[in-house]
């Protein structure tokens, strides 16, 4: 992959193009909508020529009343947080403890305020891996199976390998140091995953044996009964730190079906999950206001 700095330079230019395309249509209808596909009076080329993209425009479909797309992005490194604070509506992330989640949200809000944004326009939606069993023991066995490891020893061996330490020297019941999880500028693994692991170790006194039952695929793992999983989600939601979860079902469709049939009704009974959706745009369903223009797409890129 290109270096992270180049990737984010391209991402900023991409958002400049997206913003220009979304603003290439007027909201009013043409005088004769049957006359042609588009008319310069209500849809105009953008003529973008940049380092990564050459786009004539206009957008090949009219924009709707939302005026612009709902923007979601994953990235928790310094450049990723700046990008999120500049453009994003929805921030996907790996948050493994409530204290680490609070620190992440506070840093995101600080950067968004510095860019002139209302923090009420941001939605933090971390990943969550639910594994449901009739008992916690059954859920833990299922975790070992769906992870492809097959045993707790296998999970600990994977932990040692990922941390770059000799399994023979690993004490599974000694507290983990956050220094085990370093982030390098050229790593292929998402920086947010490495940072999330380090933050979990720094915010909690946690052992490798506990660690391997808290994380799966880089995201927070909750293994237990449907009551256990629902109680965890309710506690995080009521903390006010996150705005929802990106559910990572390990096996489809089975784990998703279990979640929908067993956990969702408990969330509905707690009043934190809708029983039906109201009408309205996707933006409105996220509780986000419509914006008059896409001006903020251009803040970082310097485009006209």
C-alpha atoms as a PDB file:
ATOM      1  CA  UNK A   1       0.000   0.000   0.000  1.00  0.00           C
ATOM      2  CA  UNK A   2       1.116   3.599  -0.446  1.00  0.00           C
ATOM      3  CA  UNK A   3       2.456   5.357   2.655  1.00  0.00           C
ATOM      4  CA  UNK A   4      -0.227   6.576   5.071  1.00  0.00           C
ATOM      5  CA  UNK A   5       0.550  10.226   4.308  1.00  0.00           C
ATOM      6  CA  UNK A   6      -0.093   9.640   0.586  1.00  0.00           C
ATOM      7  CA  UNK A   7      -3.279   7.694   1.298  1.00  0.00           C
ATOM      8  CA  UNK A   8      -4.722  10.562   3.324  1.00  0.00           C
ATOM      9  CA  UNK A   9      -3.611  13.109   0.738  1.00  0.00           C
ATOM     10  CA  UNK A  10      -5.593  11.115  -1.807  1.00  0.00           C
ATOM     11  CA  UNK A  11      -8.536  10.811   0.601  1.00  0.00           C
ATOM     12  CA  UNK A  12      -8.698  14.600   1.064  1.00  0.00           C
ATOM     13  CA  UNK A  13      -8.719  15.090  -2.708  1.00  0.00           C
ATOM     14  CA  UNK A  14     -11.395  12.407  -3.032  1.00  0.00           C
ATOM     15  CA  UNK A  15     -13.622  14.317  -0.612  1.00  0.00           C
ATOM     16  CA  UNK A  16     -13.024  17.494  -2.577  1.00  0.00           C
ATOM     17  CA  UNK A  17     -14.280  15.713  -5.703  1.00  0.00           C
ATOM     18  CA  UNK A  18     -17.268  14.241  -3.851  1.00  0.00           C
ATOM     19  CA  UNK A  19     -18.250  17.649  -2.509  1.00  0.00           C
ATOM     20  CA  UNK A  20     -17.946  19.300  -5.898  1.00  0.00           C
ATOM     21  CA  UNK A  21     -20.017  16.570  -7.566  1.00  0.00           C
ATOM     22  CA  UNK A  22     -22.755  16.811  -4.945  1.00  0.00           C
ATOM     23  CA  UNK A  23     -22.872  20.571  -5.469  1.00  0.00           C
ATOM     24  CA  UNK A  24     -22.886  20.254  -9.262  1.00  0.00           C
ATOM     25  CA  UNK A  25     -26.709  20.072  -9.295  1.00  0.00           C
ATOM     26  CA  UNK A  26     -29.180  22.721  -8.345  1.00  0.00           C
ATOM     27  CA  UNK A  27     -32.087  21.536  -6.236  1.00  0.00           C
ATOM     28  CA  UNK A  28     -34.678  23.084  -8.556  1.00  0.00           C
ATOM     29  CA  UNK A  29     -35.981  21.096 -11.517  1.00  0.00           C
ATOM     30  CA  UNK A  30     -35.226  22.081 -15.110  1.00  0.00           C
ATOM     31  CA  UNK A  31     -37.915  23.893 -17.067  1.00  0.00           C
ATOM     32  CA  UNK A  32     -38.325  20.880 -19.350  1.00  0.00           C
ATOM     33  CA  UNK A  33     -37.022  17.729 -17.587  1.00  0.00           C
ATOM     34  CA  UNK A  34     -37.722  15.623 -20.702  1.00  0.00           C
ATOM     35  CA  UNK A  35     -35.614  17.771 -23.019  1.00  0.00           C
ATOM     36  CA  UNK A  36     -32.226  16.279 -22.147  1.00  0.00           C
ATOM     37  CA  UNK A  37     -30.389  14.382 -19.427  1.00  0.00           C
ATOM     38  CA  UNK A  38     -28.893  17.555 -17.981  1.00  0.00           C
ATOM     39  CA  UNK A  39     -28.738  21.203 -18.811  1.00  0.00           C
ATOM     40  CA  UNK A  40     -25.974  23.731 -17.915  1.00  0.00           C
ATOM     41  CA  UNK A  41     -28.628  25.835 -16.220  1.00  0.00           C
ATOM     42  CA  UNK A  42     -29.116  23.296 -13.448  1.00  0.00           C
ATOM     43  CA  UNK A  43     -26.191  20.828 -13.690  1.00  0.00           C
ATOM     44  CA  UNK A  44     -22.655  21.933 -14.439  1.00  0.00           C
ATOM     45  CA  UNK A  45     -19.242  20.251 -14.916  1.00  0.00           C
ATOM     46  CA  UNK A  46     -16.767  20.514 -12.047  1.00  0.00           C
ATOM     47  CA  UNK A  47     -13.585  20.299 -14.162  1.00  0.00           C
ATOM     48  CA  UNK A  48     -11.463  18.776 -11.394  1.00  0.00           C
ATOM     49  CA  UNK A  49      -7.811  18.053 -12.267  1.00  0.00           C
ATOM     50  CA  UNK A  50      -5.704  17.001  -9.319  1.00  0.00           C
ATOM     51  CA  UNK A  51      -2.845  14.814  -8.159  1.00  0.00           C
ATOM     52  CA  UNK A  52      -4.976  11.648  -8.046  1.00  0.00           C
ATOM     53  CA  UNK A  53      -8.241  12.373  -9.893  1.00  0.00           C
ATOM     54  CA  UNK A  54      -9.394  14.004 -13.100  1.00  0.00           C
ATOM     55  CA  UNK A  55     -13.188  14.335 -13.055  1.00  0.00           C
ATOM     56  CA  UNK A  56     -15.234  16.343 -15.531  1.00  0.00           C
ATOM     57  CA  UNK A  57     -18.621  16.039 -13.845  1.00  0.00           C
ATOM     58  CA  UNK A  58     -21.369  16.795 -13.240  1.00  0.00           C
ATOM     59  CA  UNK A  59     -22.644  13.942 -11.074  1.00  0.00           C
ATOM     60  CA  UNK A  60     -24.607  11.531 -13.274  1.00  0.00           C
ATOM     61  CA  UNK A  61     -27.679  11.569 -11.001  1.00  0.00           C
ATOM     62  CA  UNK A  62     -29.479  14.501  -9.376  1.00  0.00           C
ATOM     63  CA  UNK A  63     -28.938  14.863  -5.668  1.00  0.00           C
ATOM     64  CA  UNK A  64     -31.933  14.375  -3.410  1.00  0.00           C
ATOM     65  CA  UNK A  65     -33.242  16.511  -0.585  1.00  0.00           C
ATOM     66  CA  UNK A  66     -30.447  15.345   1.734  1.00  0.00           C
ATOM     67  CA  UNK A  67     -28.153  17.525  -0.435  1.00  0.00           C
ATOM     68  CA  UNK A  68     -25.171  15.339   0.293  1.00  0.00           C
ATOM     69  CA  UNK A  69     -24.178  11.798   1.166  1.00  0.00           C
ATOM     70  CA  UNK A  70     -23.838  10.419   4.672  1.00  0.00           C
ATOM     71  CA  UNK A  71     -20.070  10.055   5.131  1.00  0.00           C
ATOM     72  CA  UNK A  72     -18.612   7.184   7.142  1.00  0.00           C
ATOM     73  CA  UNK A  73     -14.922   6.443   7.620  1.00  0.00           C
ATOM     74  CA  UNK A  74     -12.628   4.246   9.698  1.00  0.00           C
ATOM     75  CA  UNK A  75      -9.364   5.681  10.958  1.00  0.00           C
ATOM     76  CA  UNK A  76      -7.971   6.344  14.431  1.00  0.00           C
ATOM     77  CA  UNK A  77      -4.404   7.443  13.724  1.00  0.00           C
ATOM     78  CA  UNK A  78      -3.600  11.147  13.951  1.00  0.00           C
ATOM     79  CA  UNK A  79      -4.329  11.736  10.242  1.00  0.00           C
ATOM     80  CA  UNK A  80      -7.419   9.521  10.499  1.00  0.00           C
ATOM     81  CA  UNK A  81      -8.850  11.543  13.380  1.00  0.00           C
ATOM     82  CA  UNK A  82      -8.177  14.790  11.519  1.00  0.00           C
ATOM     83  CA  UNK A  83      -9.940  13.383   8.471  1.00  0.00           C
ATOM     84  CA  UNK A  84     -12.900  12.278  10.580  1.00  0.00           C
ATOM     85  CA  UNK A  85     -13.098  15.644  12.327  1.00  0.00           C
ATOM     86  CA  UNK A  86     -13.136  17.400   8.949  1.00  0.00           C
ATOM     87  CA  UNK A  87     -15.602  15.338   6.919  1.00  0.00           C
ATOM     88  CA  UNK A  88     -17.265  12.476   8.747  1.00  0.00           C
ATOM     89  CA  UNK A  89     -20.773  11.944   9.987  1.00  0.00           C
ATOM     90  CA  UNK A  90     -20.149   8.361  11.153  1.00  0.00           C
ATOM     91  CA  UNK A  91     -16.821   7.238  12.627  1.00  0.00           C
ATOM     92  CA  UNK A  92     -16.147   3.501  12.623  1.00  0.00           C
ATOM     93  CA  UNK A  93     -13.496   2.573  15.184  1.00  0.00           C
ATOM     94  CA  UNK A  94     -12.099  -0.059  17.522  1.00  0.00           C
ATOM     95  CA  UNK A  95     -12.889   0.836  21.144  1.00  0.00           C
ATOM     96  CA  UNK A  96     -12.184  -1.883  23.685  1.00  0.00           C
ATOM     97  CA  UNK A  97     -12.998  -0.205  27.012  1.00  0.00           C
ATOM     98  CA  UNK A  98     -15.282   2.603  28.152  1.00  0.00           C
ATOM     99  CA  UNK A  99     -12.399   4.682  29.460  1.00  0.00           C
ATOM    100  CA  UNK A 100     -10.527   4.353  26.157  1.00  0.00           C
ATOM    101  CA  UNK A 101     -13.751   5.161  24.300  1.00  0.00           C
ATOM    102  CA  UNK A 102     -14.217   8.331  26.355  1.00  0.00           C
ATOM    103  CA  UNK A 103     -10.648   9.438  25.563  1.00  0.00           C
ATOM    104  CA  UNK A 104     -11.193   8.741  21.842  1.00  0.00           C
ATOM    105  CA  UNK A 105     -14.460  10.685  21.739  1.00  0.00           C
ATOM    106  CA  UNK A 106     -12.969  13.627  23.625  1.00  0.00           C
ATOM    107  CA  UNK A 107     -10.012  13.840  21.228  1.00  0.00           C
ATOM    108  CA  UNK A 108     -12.319  13.603  18.206  1.00  0.00           C
ATOM    109  CA  UNK A 109     -14.549  16.363  19.578  1.00  0.00           C
ATOM    110  CA  UNK A 110     -11.552  18.590  20.303  1.00  0.00           C
ATOM    111  CA  UNK A 111     -10.326  18.274  16.728  1.00  0.00           C
ATOM    112  CA  UNK A 112     -13.818  18.814  15.288  1.00  0.00           C
ATOM    113  CA  UNK A 113     -14.298  22.002  17.346  1.00  0.00           C
ATOM    114  CA  UNK A 114     -10.927  23.278  16.125  1.00  0.00           C
ATOM    115  CA  UNK A 115     -12.241  22.848  12.570  1.00  0.00           C
ATOM    116  CA  UNK A 116     -15.424  24.770  13.343  1.00  0.00           C
ATOM    117  CA  UNK A 117     -17.746  21.777  13.473  1.00  0.00           C
ATOM    118  CA  UNK A 118     -20.615  21.062  15.837  1.00  0.00           C
ATOM    119  CA  UNK A 119     -19.774  17.859  17.737  1.00  0.00           C
ATOM    120  CA  UNK A 120     -23.477  17.019  17.621  1.00  0.00           C
ATOM    121  CA  UNK A 121     -22.971  16.183  13.936  1.00  0.00           C
ATOM    122  CA  UNK A 122     -20.619  13.263  14.744  1.00  0.00           C
ATOM    123  CA  UNK A 123     -21.674   9.672  15.393  1.00  0.00           C
ATOM    124  CA  UNK A 124     -19.131   7.312  17.014  1.00  0.00           C
ATOM    125  CA  UNK A 125     -19.983   3.712  16.064  1.00  0.00           C
ATOM    126  CA  UNK A 126     -17.394   1.152  17.261  1.00  0.00           C
ATOM    127  CA  UNK A 127     -17.231  -2.442  16.106  1.00  0.00           C
ATOM    128  CA  UNK A 128     -18.717  -5.148  18.329  1.00  0.00           C
ATOM    129  CA  UNK A 129     -18.342  -8.941  17.955  1.00  0.00           C
ATOM    130  CA  UNK A 130     -21.206 -10.705  19.770  1.00  0.00           C
ATOM    131  CA  UNK A 131     -20.946 -14.458  20.364  1.00  0.00           C
ATOM    132  CA  UNK A 132     -24.055 -15.895  21.996  1.00  0.00           C
ATOM    133  CA  UNK A 133     -24.468 -19.201  23.822  1.00  0.00           C
ATOM    134  CA  UNK A 134     -26.937 -20.799  26.195  1.00  0.00           C
ATOM    135  CA  UNK A 135     -24.248 -20.247  28.848  1.00  0.00           C
ATOM    136  CA  UNK A 136     -21.047 -18.234  29.016  1.00  0.00           C
ATOM    137  CA  UNK A 137     -19.053 -21.460  28.805  1.00  0.00           C
ATOM    138  CA  UNK A 138     -20.832 -22.426  25.574  1.00  0.00           C
ATOM    139  CA  UNK A 139     -20.203 -18.940  24.147  1.00  0.00           C
ATOM    140  CA  UNK A 140     -16.491 -19.193  24.972  1.00  0.00           C
ATOM    141  CA  UNK A 141     -16.296 -22.580  23.245  1.00  0.00           C
ATOM    142  CA  UNK A 142     -18.014 -21.084  20.212  1.00  0.00           C
ATOM    143  CA  UNK A 143     -15.486 -18.235  20.240  1.00  0.00           C
ATOM    144  CA  UNK A 144     -12.660 -20.764  20.109  1.00  0.00           C
ATOM    145  CA  UNK A 145     -14.358 -22.499  17.187  1.00  0.00           C
ATOM    146  CA  UNK A 146     -15.280 -19.470  15.053  1.00  0.00           C
ATOM    147  CA  UNK A 147     -11.869 -17.862  15.602  1.00  0.00           C
ATOM    148  CA  UNK A 148     -10.307 -20.873  13.887  1.00  0.00           C
ATOM    149  CA  UNK A 149      -8.038 -21.456  16.894  1.00  0.00           C
ATOM    150  CA  UNK A 150      -9.933 -24.214  18.674  1.00  0.00           C
ATOM    151  CA  UNK A 151      -8.800 -23.701  22.268  1.00  0.00           C
ATOM    152  CA  UNK A 152      -7.857 -21.086  24.827  1.00  0.00           C
ATOM    153  CA  UNK A 153      -4.216 -22.132  24.454  1.00  0.00           C
ATOM    154  CA  UNK A 154      -4.521 -21.419  20.742  1.00  0.00           C
ATOM    155  CA  UNK A 155      -5.912 -17.955  21.497  1.00  0.00           C
ATOM    156  CA  UNK A 156      -2.977 -17.292  23.841  1.00  0.00           C
ATOM    157  CA  UNK A 157      -0.486 -18.481  21.206  1.00  0.00           C
ATOM    158  CA  UNK A 158      -2.063 -16.107  18.689  1.00  0.00           C
ATOM    159  CA  UNK A 159      -1.835 -13.287  21.237  1.00  0.00           C
ATOM    160  CA  UNK A 160       1.883 -13.978  21.766  1.00  0.00           C
ATOM    161  CA  UNK A 161       2.512 -14.103  18.018  1.00  0.00           C
ATOM    162  CA  UNK A 162       0.656 -10.843  17.355  1.00  0.00           C
ATOM    163  CA  UNK A 163       2.470  -9.137  20.245  1.00  0.00           C
ATOM    164  CA  UNK A 164       5.842 -10.386  18.965  1.00  0.00           C
ATOM    165  CA  UNK A 165       6.786 -12.291  22.113  1.00  0.00           C
ATOM    166  CA  UNK A 166       7.873 -15.892  22.741  1.00  0.00           C
ATOM    167  CA  UNK A 167       4.908 -17.989  23.854  1.00  0.00           C
ATOM    168  CA  UNK A 168       7.169 -19.917  26.215  1.00  0.00           C
ATOM    169  CA  UNK A 169       7.934 -16.684  28.069  1.00  0.00           C
ATOM    170  CA  UNK A 170       4.287 -15.608  28.252  1.00  0.00           C
ATOM    171  CA  UNK A 171       2.648 -15.523  31.670  1.00  0.00           C
ATOM    172  CA  UNK A 172      -1.078 -15.702  30.814  1.00  0.00           C
ATOM    173  CA  UNK A 173      -2.043 -14.304  34.224  1.00  0.00           C
ATOM    174  CA  UNK A 174       0.375 -11.364  34.447  1.00  0.00           C
ATOM    175  CA  UNK A 175      -0.822  -7.840  33.527  1.00  0.00           C
ATOM    176  CA  UNK A 176      -0.194  -6.827  29.915  1.00  0.00           C
ATOM    177  CA  UNK A 177       1.884  -3.747  29.111  1.00  0.00           C
ATOM    178  CA  UNK A 178       0.552  -1.295  26.541  1.00  0.00           C
ATOM    179  CA  UNK A 179       4.098  -1.034  25.161  1.00  0.00           C
ATOM    180  CA  UNK A 180       3.629  -4.441  23.528  1.00  0.00           C
ATOM    181  CA  UNK A 181       1.425  -2.871  20.873  1.00  0.00           C
ATOM    182  CA  UNK A 182       3.360  -0.346  18.857  1.00  0.00           C
ATOM    183  CA  UNK A 183       2.213   1.555  15.784  1.00  0.00           C
ATOM    184  CA  UNK A 184       4.624   2.172  12.918  1.00  0.00           C
ATOM    185  CA  UNK A 185       4.209   4.558  10.013  1.00  0.00           C
ATOM    186  CA  UNK A 186       4.449   1.800   7.387  1.00  0.00           C
ATOM    187  CA  UNK A 187       2.444  -0.999   9.032  1.00  0.00           C
ATOM    188  CA  UNK A 188      -0.223  -2.724   6.931  1.00  0.00           C
ATOM    189  CA  UNK A 189      -2.485  -3.512   9.909  1.00  0.00           C
ATOM    190  CA  UNK A 190      -4.826  -0.584  10.636  1.00  0.00           C
ATOM    191  CA  UNK A 191      -3.211   1.788  13.126  1.00  0.00           C
ATOM    192  CA  UNK A 192      -6.523   2.040  14.959  1.00  0.00           C
ATOM    193  CA  UNK A 193      -6.382  -1.671  15.889  1.00  0.00           C
ATOM    194  CA  UNK A 194      -2.872  -1.370  17.340  1.00  0.00           C
ATOM    195  CA  UNK A 195      -3.811   1.773  19.238  1.00  0.00           C
ATOM    196  CA  UNK A 196      -6.980   0.156  20.601  1.00  0.00           C
ATOM    197  CA  UNK A 197      -5.004  -2.790  21.994  1.00  0.00           C
ATOM    198  CA  UNK A 198      -2.474  -0.473  23.604  1.00  0.00           C
ATOM    199  CA  UNK A 199      -5.203   1.710  25.104  1.00  0.00           C
ATOM    200  CA  UNK A 200      -6.994  -1.295  26.601  1.00  0.00           C
ATOM    201  CA  UNK A 201      -3.791  -2.370  28.335  1.00  0.00           C
ATOM    202  CA  UNK A 202      -3.152   1.156  29.587  1.00  0.00           C
ATOM    203  CA  UNK A 203      -6.669   1.787  30.860  1.00  0.00           C
ATOM    204  CA  UNK A 204      -7.196  -1.584  32.565  1.00  0.00           C
ATOM    205  CA  UNK A 205      -5.092  -4.063  34.516  1.00  0.00           C
ATOM    206  CA  UNK A 206      -5.675  -6.948  32.141  1.00  0.00           C
ATOM    207  CA  UNK A 207      -3.929 -10.295  31.638  1.00  0.00           C
ATOM    208  CA  UNK A 208      -3.392 -12.159  28.353  1.00  0.00           C
ATOM    209  CA  UNK A 209      -5.994 -14.738  29.439  1.00  0.00           C
ATOM    210  CA  UNK A 210      -8.554 -11.942  29.859  1.00  0.00           C
ATOM    211  CA  UNK A 211      -7.288 -10.104  26.787  1.00  0.00           C
ATOM    212  CA  UNK A 212      -8.034 -12.926  24.354  1.00  0.00           C
ATOM    213  CA  UNK A 213     -11.660 -12.957  25.549  1.00  0.00           C
ATOM    214  CA  UNK A 214     -12.089  -9.225  25.018  1.00  0.00           C
ATOM    215  CA  UNK A 215     -10.875  -8.837  21.430  1.00  0.00           C
ATOM    216  CA  UNK A 216     -11.607 -10.657  18.178  1.00  0.00           C
ATOM    217  CA  UNK A 217     -10.660  -9.452  14.704  1.00  0.00           C
ATOM    218  CA  UNK A 218      -9.438  -6.149  16.144  1.00  0.00           C
ATOM    219  CA  UNK A 219     -12.829  -5.291  17.690  1.00  0.00           C
ATOM    220  CA  UNK A 220     -14.405  -5.678  21.106  1.00  0.00           C
ATOM    221  CA  UNK A 221     -15.696  -9.175  21.808  1.00  0.00           C
ATOM    222  CA  UNK A 222     -18.688  -9.898  24.038  1.00  0.00           C
ATOM    223  CA  UNK A 223     -19.210 -13.632  24.606  1.00  0.00           C
ATOM    224  CA  UNK A 224     -22.023 -14.891  26.820  1.00  0.00           C
ATOM    225  CA  UNK A 225     -25.736 -15.421  26.958  1.00  0.00           C
ATOM    226  CA  UNK A 226     -28.154 -13.138  25.142  1.00  0.00           C
ATOM    227  CA  UNK A 227     -28.751 -11.409  28.496  1.00  0.00           C
ATOM    228  CA  UNK A 228     -24.991 -10.843  28.902  1.00  0.00           C
ATOM    229  CA  UNK A 229     -24.609  -9.359  25.425  1.00  0.00           C
ATOM    230  CA  UNK A 230     -27.675  -7.125  25.772  1.00  0.00           C
ATOM    231  CA  UNK A 231     -26.578  -5.888  29.218  1.00  0.00           C
ATOM    232  CA  UNK A 232     -23.157  -4.946  27.839  1.00  0.00           C
ATOM    233  CA  UNK A 233     -24.653  -3.016  24.917  1.00  0.00           C
ATOM    234  CA  UNK A 234     -27.129  -1.244  27.214  1.00  0.00           C
ATOM    235  CA  UNK A 235     -24.356  -0.192  29.607  1.00  0.00           C
ATOM    236  CA  UNK A 236     -22.243   1.273  26.812  1.00  0.00           C
ATOM    237  CA  UNK A 237     -25.224   3.011  25.227  1.00  0.00           C
ATOM    238  CA  UNK A 238     -26.360   4.566  28.497  1.00  0.00           C
ATOM    239  CA  UNK A 239     -22.848   5.870  29.152  1.00  0.00           C
ATOM    240  CA  UNK A 240     -23.492   8.369  26.357  1.00  0.00           C
ATOM    241  CA  UNK A 241     -19.994   7.810  24.972  1.00  0.00           C
ATOM    242  CA  UNK A 242     -20.983   5.932  21.794  1.00  0.00           C
ATOM    243  CA  UNK A 243     -23.843   6.431  19.363  1.00  0.00           C
ATOM    244  CA  UNK A 244     -24.340   2.842  18.279  1.00  0.00           C
ATOM    245  CA  UNK A 245     -22.421  -0.257  17.226  1.00  0.00           C
ATOM    246  CA  UNK A 246     -21.240  -1.831  13.997  1.00  0.00           C
ATOM    247  CA  UNK A 247     -22.182  -5.465  14.653  1.00  0.00           C
ATOM    248  CA  UNK A 248     -19.520  -7.902  13.384  1.00  0.00           C
ATOM    249  CA  UNK A 249     -21.299 -11.261  13.282  1.00  0.00           C
ATOM    250  CA  UNK A 250     -18.550 -13.935  13.074  1.00  0.00           C
ATOM    251  CA  UNK A 251     -20.571 -16.460  11.020  1.00  0.00           C
ATOM    252  CA  UNK A 252     -23.347 -15.502   8.622  1.00  0.00           C
ATOM    253  CA  UNK A 253     -26.242 -15.990   8.774  1.00  0.00           C
ATOM    254  CA  UNK A 254     -26.224 -17.932  12.063  1.00  0.00           C
ATOM    255  CA  UNK A 255     -24.675 -15.370  14.422  1.00  0.00           C
ATOM    256  CA  UNK A 256     -26.621 -12.504  12.886  1.00  0.00           C
ATOM    257  CA  UNK A 257     -29.863 -14.448  13.254  1.00  0.00           C
ATOM    258  CA  UNK A 258     -29.051 -15.209  16.906  1.00  0.00           C
ATOM    259  CA  UNK A 259     -28.356 -11.538  17.547  1.00  0.00           C
ATOM    260  CA  UNK A 260     -31.580 -10.364  15.873  1.00  0.00           C
ATOM    261  CA  UNK A 261     -33.770 -13.008  17.477  1.00  0.00           C
ATOM    262  CA  UNK A 262     -32.275 -13.050  20.972  1.00  0.00           C
ATOM    263  CA  UNK A 263     -30.514  -9.742  21.678  1.00  0.00           C
ATOM    264  CA  UNK A 264     -32.555  -7.176  19.734  1.00  0.00           C
ATOM    265  CA  UNK A 265     -35.817  -7.907  21.639  1.00  0.00           C
ATOM    266  CA  UNK A 266     -33.980  -7.284  24.908  1.00  0.00           C
ATOM    267  CA  UNK A 267     -32.673  -3.966  23.568  1.00  0.00           C
ATOM    268  CA  UNK A 268     -36.199  -3.053  22.472  1.00  0.00           C
ATOM    269  CA  UNK A 269     -37.560  -3.889  25.929  1.00  0.00           C
ATOM    270  CA  UNK A 270     -34.901  -1.578  27.382  1.00  0.00           C
ATOM    271  CA  UNK A 271     -36.089   1.210  25.072  1.00  0.00           C
ATOM    272  CA  UNK A 272     -32.804   1.672  23.230  1.00  0.00           C
ATOM    273  CA  UNK A 273     -33.641  -0.009  19.920  1.00  0.00           C
ATOM    274  CA  UNK A 274     -36.616   0.926  17.710  1.00  0.00           C
ATOM    275  CA  UNK A 275     -39.500  -1.442  17.108  1.00  0.00           C
ATOM    276  CA  UNK A 276     -40.134   0.295  13.788  1.00  0.00           C
ATOM    277  CA  UNK A 277     -38.435   2.969  11.716  1.00  0.00           C
ATOM    278  CA  UNK A 278     -39.964   6.364  11.165  1.00  0.00           C
ATOM    279  CA  UNK A 279     -40.121   7.758   7.647  1.00  0.00           C
ATOM    280  CA  UNK A 280     -37.339  10.058   6.530  1.00  0.00           C
ATOM    281  CA  UNK A 281     -33.892  10.048   4.997  1.00  0.00           C
ATOM    282  CA  UNK A 282     -30.967   8.007   6.265  1.00  0.00           C
ATOM    283  CA  UNK A 283     -29.444  11.222   7.580  1.00  0.00           C
ATOM    284  CA  UNK A 284     -32.601  11.943   9.561  1.00  0.00           C
ATOM    285  CA  UNK A 285     -32.628   8.426  10.983  1.00  0.00           C
ATOM    286  CA  UNK A 286     -29.170   9.103  12.373  1.00  0.00           C
ATOM    287  CA  UNK A 287     -30.535  12.275  13.943  1.00  0.00           C
ATOM    288  CA  UNK A 288     -28.366  14.471  11.728  1.00  0.00           C
ATOM    289  CA  UNK A 289     -29.522  17.793  10.360  1.00  0.00           C
ATOM    290  CA  UNK A 290     -29.383  18.597   6.678  1.00  0.00           C
ATOM    291  CA  UNK A 291     -26.717  21.039   5.629  1.00  0.00           C
ATOM    292  CA  UNK A 292     -27.200  23.873   3.164  1.00  0.00           C
ATOM    293  CA  UNK A 293     -24.031  23.120   1.213  1.00  0.00           C
ATOM    294  CA  UNK A 294     -20.957  20.934   1.072  1.00  0.00           C
ATOM    295  CA  UNK A 295     -18.559  23.740   1.968  1.00  0.00           C
ATOM    296  CA  UNK A 296     -16.808  21.742   4.662  1.00  0.00           C
ATOM    297  CA  UNK A 297     -15.608  19.247   2.058  1.00  0.00           C
ATOM    298  CA  UNK A 298     -13.198  21.915   0.878  1.00  0.00           C
ATOM    299  CA  UNK A 299     -11.696  23.092   4.177  1.00  0.00           C
ATOM    300  CA  UNK A 300      -8.639  20.891   4.027  1.00  0.00           C
ATOM    301  CA  UNK A 301      -8.171  20.554   0.279  1.00  0.00           C
ATOM    302  CA  UNK A 302      -8.089  24.257  -0.527  1.00  0.00           C
ATOM    303  CA  UNK A 303     -10.407  23.755  -3.492  1.00  0.00           C
ATOM    304  CA  UNK A 304     -12.484  26.748  -4.609  1.00  0.00           C
END
